[in-house]
Protein backbone atom coordinates (compact mmCIF):
# COMPACT_ATOMS: atom_id res chain seq x y z
CA MET A 1 91.19 135.51 142.69
CA LEU A 2 94.17 137.94 142.77
CA HIS A 3 92.21 141.02 141.95
CA ARG A 4 91.84 144.66 142.73
CA ILE A 5 89.26 145.83 145.23
CA ALA A 6 86.52 147.30 143.11
CA ARG A 7 83.21 148.95 143.72
CA PHE A 8 80.02 147.31 142.61
CA MET A 9 79.22 149.36 139.52
CA TRP A 10 75.82 149.39 137.89
CA PRO A 11 74.52 151.42 134.92
CA LEU A 12 71.82 154.02 135.40
CA CYS A 13 69.23 151.78 133.82
CA ALA A 14 68.92 148.01 133.70
CA LEU A 15 65.99 146.29 132.07
CA ALA A 16 64.77 142.92 133.28
CA MET A 17 66.53 140.23 131.29
CA THR A 18 65.43 136.71 130.49
CA ILE A 19 68.23 134.51 129.19
CA SER A 20 67.12 131.55 127.12
CA ALA A 21 69.13 128.45 126.29
CA GLY A 22 71.62 129.13 123.50
CA ALA A 23 71.48 132.93 123.99
CA SER A 24 75.08 133.13 125.14
CA ALA A 25 77.93 132.64 122.65
CA LEU A 26 80.92 131.85 124.84
CA ASP A 27 84.40 133.09 123.95
CA ILE A 28 86.98 130.55 125.19
CA ASP A 29 90.71 131.18 124.91
CA LYS A 30 94.00 129.53 125.96
CA CYS A 31 92.32 126.18 126.71
CA ASP A 32 93.40 122.80 125.39
CA SER A 33 90.82 120.46 123.82
CA THR A 34 89.96 118.74 127.12
CA SER A 35 89.44 121.86 129.21
CA LYS A 36 87.60 123.60 126.38
CA ALA A 37 85.14 120.71 125.99
CA GLU A 38 84.49 120.56 129.75
CA ILE A 39 83.97 124.33 129.98
CA GLN A 40 81.57 124.21 127.01
CA THR A 41 79.58 121.42 128.70
CA VAL A 42 79.33 123.37 131.93
CA HIS A 43 78.57 126.68 130.22
CA ALA A 44 75.69 125.17 128.22
CA ALA A 45 74.11 123.86 131.44
CA MET A 46 74.71 127.18 133.20
CA THR A 47 73.07 129.13 130.37
CA LYS A 48 69.92 127.01 130.60
CA ARG A 49 69.75 127.71 134.34
CA VAL A 50 71.07 131.27 134.49
CA ASN A 51 67.72 132.79 135.52
CA ALA A 52 67.23 130.20 138.25
CA THR A 53 70.82 130.62 139.43
CA VAL A 54 70.65 134.42 139.65
CA ALA A 55 67.29 134.13 141.43
CA ARG A 56 69.22 132.44 144.27
CA PHE A 57 71.23 135.65 144.79
CA THR A 58 68.47 136.96 147.07
CA TRP A 59 70.76 139.41 148.92
CA LEU A 60 71.17 141.46 145.72
CA THR A 61 68.67 143.96 144.37
CA GLU A 62 66.53 143.13 141.34
CA LYS A 63 68.49 145.72 139.37
CA GLN A 64 71.76 144.02 140.25
CA ARG A 65 70.45 140.58 139.35
CA ASP A 66 69.20 141.88 136.00
CA GLU A 67 72.64 143.22 135.12
CA LEU A 68 74.32 139.95 136.05
CA LYS A 69 72.00 138.15 133.62
CA GLU A 70 72.59 140.73 130.90
CA LYS A 71 76.37 140.43 131.25
CA TRP A 72 76.20 136.63 131.09
CA SER A 73 75.88 136.76 127.31
CA LYS A 74 79.20 138.64 127.10
CA LEU A 75 81.21 136.22 129.23
CA LYS A 76 84.72 135.22 128.12
CA ILE A 77 86.70 132.42 129.78
CA ASP A 78 90.48 132.01 129.58
CA CYS A 79 92.39 128.96 130.81
CA GLU A 80 95.32 130.59 132.61
CA ASP A 81 97.11 127.39 133.49
CA ASP A 82 100.71 128.49 133.78
CA ARG A 83 102.03 128.29 137.33
CA ASN A 84 103.15 131.94 137.40
CA LYS A 85 99.49 132.97 137.27
CA CYS A 86 97.88 129.96 138.97
CA SER A 87 100.41 129.69 141.76
CA LYS A 88 100.04 127.40 144.74
CA ASP A 89 102.58 129.37 146.74
CA SER A 90 101.56 131.63 149.61
CA VAL A 91 101.05 135.28 148.65
CA ALA A 92 101.84 137.11 151.89
CA ASP A 93 98.69 137.25 154.02
CA ASP A 94 96.39 137.36 151.02
CA GLY A 95 96.34 133.62 150.57
CA LEU A 96 96.50 131.33 147.58
CA ILE A 97 95.60 131.61 143.93
CA ILE A 98 94.34 128.15 143.11
CA THR A 99 91.18 127.97 141.04
CA GLY A 100 90.97 131.22 139.10
CA PHE A 101 91.06 135.00 139.12
CA ALA A 102 89.46 138.07 137.59
CA HIS A 103 89.93 141.80 137.93
CA GLY A 104 86.99 143.80 139.20
CA GLY A 105 85.61 146.50 136.92
CA LEU A 106 84.22 146.65 133.42
CA GLY A 107 85.74 143.49 131.96
CA ASN A 108 83.85 140.29 131.19
CA THR A 109 86.78 137.85 131.30
CA VAL A 110 87.22 135.21 133.98
CA ASN A 111 90.41 133.17 134.21
CA VAL A 112 90.09 129.52 135.19
CA CYS A 113 93.05 127.52 136.51
CA TYR A 114 91.58 124.38 134.99
CA TYR A 115 94.30 121.84 135.75
CA ASN A 116 94.50 123.00 139.35
CA LEU A 117 90.81 122.04 139.55
CA VAL A 118 91.62 118.67 138.00
CA GLU A 119 94.52 118.13 140.40
CA ALA A 120 92.14 118.79 143.33
CA ASN A 121 89.69 116.20 141.91
CA LEU A 122 86.94 118.83 141.69
CA THR A 123 83.70 118.39 139.75
CA LEU A 124 81.52 119.94 137.08
CA CYS A 125 79.55 121.80 139.77
CA SER A 126 82.81 123.03 141.32
CA LEU A 127 83.61 124.58 137.95
CA VAL A 128 80.14 126.18 137.87
CA GLY A 129 80.80 127.77 141.26
CA ASN A 130 84.29 128.81 140.18
CA ILE A 131 82.98 130.60 137.09
CA TRP A 132 80.25 132.45 139.00
CA HIS A 133 82.72 133.39 141.76
CA GLU A 134 85.15 134.89 139.27
CA LYS A 135 82.30 136.49 137.32
CA GLY A 136 81.41 138.31 140.53
CA HIS A 137 84.91 139.79 140.54
CA ALA A 138 84.77 140.60 136.83
CA ASP A 139 81.47 142.43 137.35
CA GLY A 140 82.96 144.50 140.20
CA MET A 141 81.23 142.74 143.11
CA PRO A 142 82.58 143.87 146.51
CA LYS A 143 84.86 141.45 148.32
CA ALA A 144 86.08 141.20 151.89
CA PHE A 145 89.64 141.94 152.96
CA HIS A 146 91.84 138.81 152.89
CA HIS A 147 89.39 137.38 150.35
CA ASN A 148 91.97 134.91 149.04
CA ASN A 149 92.71 133.45 152.45
CA PRO A 150 89.52 131.92 153.87
CA ALA A 151 91.55 129.39 155.90
CA LYS A 152 92.89 132.17 158.13
CA HIS A 153 89.93 134.52 157.65
CA PRO A 154 86.73 132.42 157.44
CA GLU A 155 84.61 135.56 157.71
CA VAL A 156 85.36 136.25 154.03
CA LEU A 157 83.07 133.35 153.09
CA ASN A 158 80.17 135.71 153.79
CA ASP A 159 81.14 138.24 151.14
CA ASP A 160 79.04 138.60 147.99
CA VAL A 161 81.47 136.78 145.71
CA TYR A 162 81.71 133.62 147.81
CA ARG A 163 77.95 133.64 148.33
CA MET A 164 77.41 133.81 144.56
CA GLY A 165 79.71 130.85 143.97
CA ASN A 166 78.11 128.76 146.70
CA ALA A 167 74.57 129.54 145.50
CA ALA A 168 75.57 128.59 141.95
CA VAL A 169 76.95 125.25 143.17
CA ALA A 170 73.65 124.58 144.97
CA GLU A 171 71.69 125.30 141.78
CA CYS A 172 74.07 123.10 139.80
CA LYS A 173 73.66 120.12 142.12
CA ALA A 174 69.88 120.57 142.21
CA SER A 175 69.23 121.06 138.50
CA MET A 176 72.29 120.92 136.22
CA PHE A 177 74.37 117.87 137.18
CA VAL A 178 72.34 115.99 139.76
CA GLY A 179 73.79 113.13 141.81
CA THR A 180 76.46 111.09 140.04
CA ALA A 181 76.19 113.40 137.00
CA ASP A 182 78.31 115.83 139.02
CA ARG A 183 81.43 113.89 138.07
CA ALA A 184 85.08 114.80 138.38
CA LEU A 185 86.46 117.08 135.67
CA LYS A 186 88.29 115.34 132.86
CA GLY A 187 92.01 115.72 132.34
CA ARG A 188 95.30 114.59 133.81
CA ALA A 189 97.58 116.56 136.11
CA LEU A 190 100.76 115.99 138.15
CA LEU A 191 102.39 114.25 135.19
CA ALA A 192 105.97 112.97 135.36
CA LEU A 193 108.80 113.93 133.01
CA GLY A 194 108.24 112.46 129.55
CA ALA A 195 104.44 112.24 129.88
CA SER A 196 102.30 113.69 127.11
CA CYS A 197 100.94 117.14 127.94
CA SER A 198 99.26 120.15 126.41
CA LYS A 199 99.43 122.63 129.29
CA GLU A 200 102.32 123.45 131.61
CA SER A 201 100.30 123.02 134.78
CA GLN A 202 99.63 119.38 133.89
CA CYS A 203 103.29 118.62 134.64
CA ASN A 204 104.95 118.21 138.02
CA SER A 205 107.76 120.34 136.64
CA ALA A 206 105.32 123.05 135.46
CA LYS A 207 106.94 122.90 132.00
CA CYS A 208 105.48 121.34 128.86
CA LYS A 209 107.38 121.52 125.58
CA ASP A 210 106.88 119.71 122.29
CA GLY A 211 103.93 117.85 123.81
CA LYS A 212 105.97 116.34 126.68
CA CYS A 213 106.60 117.22 130.33
CA VAL A 214 110.23 118.35 130.60
CA CYS A 215 112.46 119.62 133.38
CA LYS A 216 112.44 123.28 134.40
CA ARG A 217 114.96 123.20 137.24
CA ASP A 218 117.61 120.81 138.58
CA SER A 219 115.29 119.56 141.32
CA ASP A 220 112.99 118.08 138.65
CA CYS A 221 115.75 115.67 137.66
CA GLY A 222 116.51 114.03 140.98
CA SER A 223 119.64 113.84 143.08
CA GLY A 224 122.92 114.60 141.34
CA ARG A 225 121.37 115.43 137.95
CA LYS A 226 121.05 118.76 136.16
CA CYS A 227 118.35 120.20 133.92
CA LYS A 228 119.91 121.26 130.63
CA GLU A 229 118.04 123.47 128.16
CA PRO A 230 119.74 123.81 124.79
CA VAL A 231 119.38 127.06 122.86
CA PHE A 232 117.64 125.04 120.16
CA GLY A 233 116.06 121.91 121.56
CA THR A 234 114.14 120.37 124.40
CA PRO A 235 115.13 120.60 128.08
CA HIS A 236 116.40 117.31 129.45
CA CYS A 237 118.12 115.85 132.53
CA GLU A 238 121.80 114.91 132.52
């Protein structure tokens, strides 16, 4: 989420597209080995079912659905797991940034807050819905005002982007990861100081250095202790 309001932009011509399994070469960036493997697993299943998934977007025109399928082959996914971008803090009245974000317009990149998904104990099909939701933003799909705050503004759940994500989850549960196959995403989050990490958002302190969770502020260290960060060295509590 956290995006500009963009118009739904479509080219003058769009030919009907049929996406076959293996037709999409995914570009993945900024992900550790765990998140990358999980995203690859989900993406492979999504590619096999992309025609069936887009067919569920019945409120769109055929021309719009064709472009969504055509753009699928150009998708790029980034794991934006630092807490400055995947914040859990309130952003005025526009809600929370928890699971991902993308800017509307011509880009094909969606940003997934993978370890926030893990922390929430979400599943493979949740990730499917997350990717399609953010792809809607990346493709310039219209969104409702207060889109990021459905708790206070439940009417936003009827906008095109939420509907895409929900329809994709339904297709996932029906045909991609049925029943118990829709398992929780792999990975560990909310790690204590000293635990092994590869991404900052895995740590309670939101700081990972030299493969370990380290302190970022005094409050990470407990009562009466300070977080010290040497010019050359690893932050630690004293």
